[in-house]
Protein backbone atom coordinates (compact mmCIF):
# COMPACT_ATOMS: atom_id res chain seq x y z
CA UNK A 1 -10.74 1.32 8.96
CA UNK A 2 -9.59 -2.35 9.97
CA UNK A 3 -6.16 -3.91 8.58
CA UNK A 4 -5.37 -3.29 5.28
CA UNK A 5 -1.93 -4.83 4.16
CA UNK A 6 0.21 -6.56 0.40
CA UNK A 7 3.19 -8.31 0.60
CA UNK A 8 4.49 -9.47 -2.87
CA UNK A 9 5.87 -13.59 -2.39
CA UNK A 10 8.92 -15.09 -4.46
CA UNK A 11 10.24 -18.63 -4.89
CA UNK A 12 13.14 -19.25 -5.95
CA UNK A 13 15.02 -16.02 -5.60
CA UNK A 14 17.69 -15.17 -2.65
CA UNK A 15 17.19 -12.39 -1.03
CA UNK A 16 20.33 -10.99 -2.20
CA UNK A 17 19.39 -11.45 -5.86
CA UNK A 18 15.89 -9.47 -4.89
CA UNK A 19 17.46 -6.71 -3.29
CA UNK A 20 20.27 -6.24 -5.49
CA UNK A 21 18.05 -5.82 -9.00
CA UNK A 22 15.62 -3.65 -7.00
CA UNK A 23 18.47 -1.04 -5.51
CA UNK A 24 19.53 -1.20 -9.74
CA UNK A 25 16.09 0.14 -10.67
CA UNK A 26 15.69 2.15 -7.43
CA UNK A 27 12.79 0.63 -6.14
CA UNK A 28 11.89 1.44 -2.58
CA UNK A 29 11.23 -1.99 -0.62
CA UNK A 30 11.69 -3.92 2.02
CA UNK A 31 13.73 -7.59 1.87
CA UNK A 32 12.77 -10.50 3.90
CA UNK A 33 15.60 -13.54 4.23
CA UNK A 34 14.50 -16.19 2.10
CA UNK A 35 13.23 -19.29 4.18
CA UNK A 36 11.80 -22.34 2.66
CA UNK A 37 13.14 -20.59 -0.81
CA UNK A 38 10.36 -18.24 -0.50
CA UNK A 39 11.25 -14.54 -0.23
CA UNK A 40 9.06 -11.42 0.89
CA UNK A 41 9.09 -8.67 -0.82
CA UNK A 42 7.15 -5.55 1.22
CA UNK A 43 7.22 -2.56 -1.21
CA UNK A 44 6.13 1.41 -1.33
CA UNK A 45 3.83 0.91 -4.67
CA UNK A 46 1.93 -1.66 -3.84
CA UNK A 47 0.78 -0.09 -0.58
CA UNK A 48 -0.99 3.22 -2.82
CA UNK A 49 1.50 4.90 -4.67
CA UNK A 50 1.60 4.66 -8.18
CA UNK A 51 4.49 7.33 -8.69
CA UNK A 52 7.08 4.66 -6.87
CA UNK A 53 6.39 2.52 -9.34
CA UNK A 54 9.41 2.22 -11.91
CA UNK A 55 7.95 4.35 -15.60
CA UNK A 56 9.18 1.54 -17.52
CA UNK A 57 7.36 -1.48 -16.23
CA UNK A 58 3.68 1.08 -16.14
CA UNK A 59 4.31 1.30 -19.35
CA UNK A 60 5.22 -2.54 -20.00
CA UNK A 61 2.41 -3.87 -19.00
CA UNK A 62 0.06 -0.90 -19.18
CA UNK A 63 -0.69 0.31 -16.39
CA UNK A 64 -3.70 2.93 -16.85
CA UNK A 65 -5.63 0.04 -18.73
CA UNK A 66 -4.81 -2.56 -15.74
CA UNK A 67 -5.94 0.27 -13.08
CA UNK A 68 -9.23 -0.03 -14.78
CA UNK A 69 -9.45 -3.58 -14.44
CA UNK A 70 -8.77 -3.46 -10.42
CA UNK A 71 -10.33 -2.27 -7.24
CA UNK A 72 -8.03 -0.62 -6.13
CA UNK A 73 -4.57 0.60 -7.06
CA UNK A 74 -2.39 -1.73 -5.13
CA UNK A 75 -3.90 -4.47 -7.12
CA UNK A 76 -2.83 -2.74 -10.40
CA UNK A 77 0.57 -2.25 -9.27
CA UNK A 78 0.83 -5.63 -7.61
CA UNK A 79 0.11 -7.65 -11.15
CA UNK A 80 2.89 -5.05 -12.86
CA UNK A 81 5.31 -6.03 -10.42
CA UNK A 82 4.38 -9.55 -10.67
CA UNK A 83 4.60 -10.02 -14.05
CA UNK A 84 7.55 -8.30 -14.49
CA UNK A 85 9.34 -9.85 -11.79
CA UNK A 86 8.11 -13.58 -12.08
CA UNK A 87 9.80 -13.03 -15.64
CA UNK A 88 13.07 -11.20 -15.01
CA UNK A 89 13.52 -14.33 -12.83
CA UNK A 90 11.73 -17.22 -14.51
CA UNK A 91 10.16 -17.78 -10.97
CA UNK A 92 6.39 -18.50 -9.86
CA UNK A 93 5.33 -14.52 -7.43
CA UNK A 94 2.21 -15.09 -5.35
CA UNK A 95 0.67 -11.34 -4.25
CA UNK A 96 -1.53 -10.82 -1.19
CA UNK A 97 -3.85 -8.14 -0.75
CA UNK A 98 -6.11 -7.93 2.43
CA UNK A 99 -8.51 -5.50 3.26
CA UNK A 100 -10.21 -5.75 6.83
CA UNK A 101 -11.34 -8.86 7.79
CA UNK A 102 -13.58 -10.06 4.40
CA UNK A 103 -11.67 -9.40 1.40
CA UNK A 104 -8.73 -11.75 0.60
CA UNK A 105 -7.38 -11.44 -2.90
CA UNK A 106 -4.38 -13.21 -4.77
CA UNK A 107 -2.63 -12.79 -8.00
CA UNK A 108 -0.54 -15.77 -9.20
CA UNK A 109 2.05 -15.23 -11.83
CA UNK A 110 4.97 -17.84 -13.52
CA UNK A 111 7.58 -16.83 -15.78
CA UNK A 112 5.66 -13.12 -16.50
CA UNK A 113 1.97 -14.60 -17.09
CA UNK A 114 -0.90 -14.41 -15.08
CA UNK A 115 -1.78 -18.34 -14.02
CA UNK A 116 -4.69 -17.00 -11.34
CA UNK A 117 -6.85 -14.70 -9.49
CA UNK A 118 -8.80 -15.03 -6.42
CA UNK A 119 -11.02 -12.29 -4.07
CA UNK A 120 -13.52 -13.32 -1.60
CA UNK A 121 -16.62 -11.80 -1.99
CA UNK A 122 -16.29 -8.75 0.02
CA UNK A 123 -20.51 -7.92 -0.44
CA UNK A 124 -21.56 -11.29 0.97
CA UNK A 125 -20.44 -13.08 4.59
CA UNK A 126 -21.49 -16.58 3.22
CA UNK A 127 -20.23 -16.09 -0.16
CA UNK A 128 -16.59 -16.59 -2.24
CA UNK A 129 -16.14 -15.72 -6.00
CA UNK A 130 -13.03 -18.03 -6.43
CA UNK A 131 -10.92 -17.79 -9.02
CA UNK A 132 -11.43 -14.81 -11.43
CA UNK A 133 -10.59 -16.88 -14.35
CA UNK A 134 -12.57 -19.54 -14.17
CA UNK A 135 -14.11 -19.29 -11.17
CA UNK A 136 -13.18 -22.86 -9.63
CA UNK A 137 -11.49 -23.30 -6.10
CA UNK A 138 -10.53 -26.52 -7.56
CA UNK A 139 -8.72 -25.35 -10.35
CA UNK A 140 -7.17 -22.65 -7.71
CA UNK A 141 -5.77 -25.23 -5.87
CA UNK A 142 -4.23 -27.10 -8.16
CA UNK A 143 -2.94 -24.00 -9.66
CA UNK A 144 -1.37 -22.67 -6.71
CA UNK A 145 0.24 -25.43 -5.35
CA UNK A 146 1.93 -27.12 -8.74
CA UNK A 147 3.62 -23.83 -9.61
CA UNK A 148 5.09 -23.99 -6.07
CA UNK A 149 5.47 -27.87 -6.37
CA UNK A 150 3.46 -28.51 -3.51
CA UNK A 151 1.27 -30.54 -5.29
CA UNK A 152 0.48 -32.50 -2.44
CA UNK A 153 -0.98 -29.99 -0.92
CA UNK A 154 -4.33 -29.56 -3.26
CA UNK A 155 -7.09 -31.22 -1.21
CA UNK A 156 -5.88 -28.91 1.38
CA UNK A 157 -5.70 -25.01 -0.46
CA UNK A 158 -9.02 -26.24 -2.44
CA UNK A 159 -10.58 -26.22 1.31
CA UNK A 160 -8.78 -23.28 2.69
CA UNK A 161 -10.17 -21.44 -0.58
CA UNK A 162 -13.66 -22.75 -0.46
CA UNK A 163 -14.48 -21.95 2.65
CA UNK A 164 -16.67 -19.15 3.70
CA UNK A 165 -16.38 -15.38 4.86
CA UNK A 166 -18.13 -15.92 7.73
CA UNK A 167 -15.37 -19.54 8.85
CA UNK A 168 -12.18 -17.79 7.68
CA UNK A 169 -11.73 -13.67 8.08
CA UNK A 170 -9.49 -12.79 5.78
CA UNK A 171 -5.52 -13.21 8.01
CA UNK A 172 -6.85 -16.60 9.16
CA UNK A 173 -6.85 -17.62 5.44
CA UNK A 174 -4.02 -16.41 5.00
CA UNK A 175 -1.84 -18.29 7.88
CA UNK A 176 -3.61 -21.03 6.93
CA UNK A 177 -2.79 -20.90 3.33
CA UNK A 178 0.75 -20.22 4.02
CA UNK A 179 0.68 -22.48 6.01
CA UNK A 180 -0.08 -25.48 3.31
CA UNK A 181 2.17 -23.66 1.07
CA UNK A 182 5.27 -24.27 3.56
CA UNK A 183 5.72 -20.46 3.85
CA UNK A 184 6.51 -19.19 7.21
CA UNK A 185 2.90 -17.34 8.41
CA UNK A 186 5.45 -14.57 10.76
CA UNK A 187 6.61 -13.35 7.81
CA UNK A 188 3.49 -12.63 4.96
CA UNK A 189 0.13 -12.04 7.48
CA UNK A 190 -0.08 -9.21 8.53
CA UNK A 191 2.89 -7.99 6.93
CA UNK A 192 3.72 -5.29 4.70
CA UNK A 193 5.68 -2.11 4.03
CA UNK A 194 5.28 -0.42 6.91
CA UNK A 195 5.47 -2.60 9.25
CA UNK A 196 9.78 -1.41 9.04
CA UNK A 197 9.12 1.79 8.88
CA UNK A 198 7.83 2.73 12.55
CA UNK A 199 4.08 3.44 11.27
CA UNK A 200 2.76 -0.33 11.98
CA UNK A 201 3.73 -2.66 14.88
CA UNK A 202 6.01 -4.83 13.46
CA UNK A 203 6.71 -6.48 16.55
CA UNK A 204 3.17 -7.28 17.00
CA UNK A 205 2.44 -8.57 13.86
CA UNK A 206 5.53 -10.68 13.76
CA UNK A 207 5.03 -12.34 17.13
CA UNK A 208 1.36 -12.99 16.69
CA UNK A 209 2.24 -15.96 14.05
CA UNK A 210 5.97 -16.27 15.31
CA UNK A 211 6.25 -20.07 16.31
CA UNK A 212 9.29 -21.66 18.70
CA UNK A 213 11.57 -21.73 15.54
CA UNK A 214 11.33 -18.57 14.74
CA UNK A 215 13.88 -16.14 15.28
CA UNK A 216 12.86 -13.60 17.65
CA UNK A 217 10.95 -10.24 16.63
CA UNK A 218 14.41 -8.08 17.24
CA UNK A 219 16.78 -10.77 15.09
CA UNK A 220 13.63 -10.71 12.39
CA UNK A 221 13.68 -7.50 12.56
CA UNK A 222 17.68 -7.07 11.66
CA UNK A 223 17.30 -9.94 8.92
CA UNK A 224 15.51 -8.02 6.68
CA UNK A 225 17.31 -6.01 4.41
CA UNK A 226 16.19 -1.84 3.08
CA UNK A 227 17.29 -1.93 -1.13
CA UNK A 228 19.53 1.25 -1.87
CA UNK A 229 17.92 4.29 -3.22
């Protein structure tokens, strides 16, 4: 099995706000520092533990019904979380799920509503399946950039989303998309809950995308906060 990871990025919500709320609901997660108004959530539920998603959130968004719509429980869990958290904080949220080098999926929510979903085709190396809502890369780019007030990047994001998987593997696509939206790639590309438990190599993932201006991985690790259970 190749690389697999998932994380959820919130705009306009501070690390303290997010950690306090998730601790109050006893949700097992790590939370990045807030950089450029973005905070990243690395939670246990989204890496394949549905029982870690609070029951009231599952009921609120009819998890059993959502589960049937998606390829994996991770996607259904992340869709629930995005809807819940984007409504709770009145913000825009982007959930990312990467499988191997081919499949790159995202779920975009704003203020509790699904704006768009996108997935690369994991069956053909020469085709992509873009927006799951209207299957139009231009519209996906507009929705994504408008949600995060990055309208100037629409053309760039459209190109990133439209290129076939034979040109961009999933992590390259994710890195380019993060940079276009002014998200620091070192906090999102390759990163998930296990990077902070010792089960995966945080240093290797972080340093691969770290730029000179970023803190060292030792400093970065100290900046990540664990929820209180």
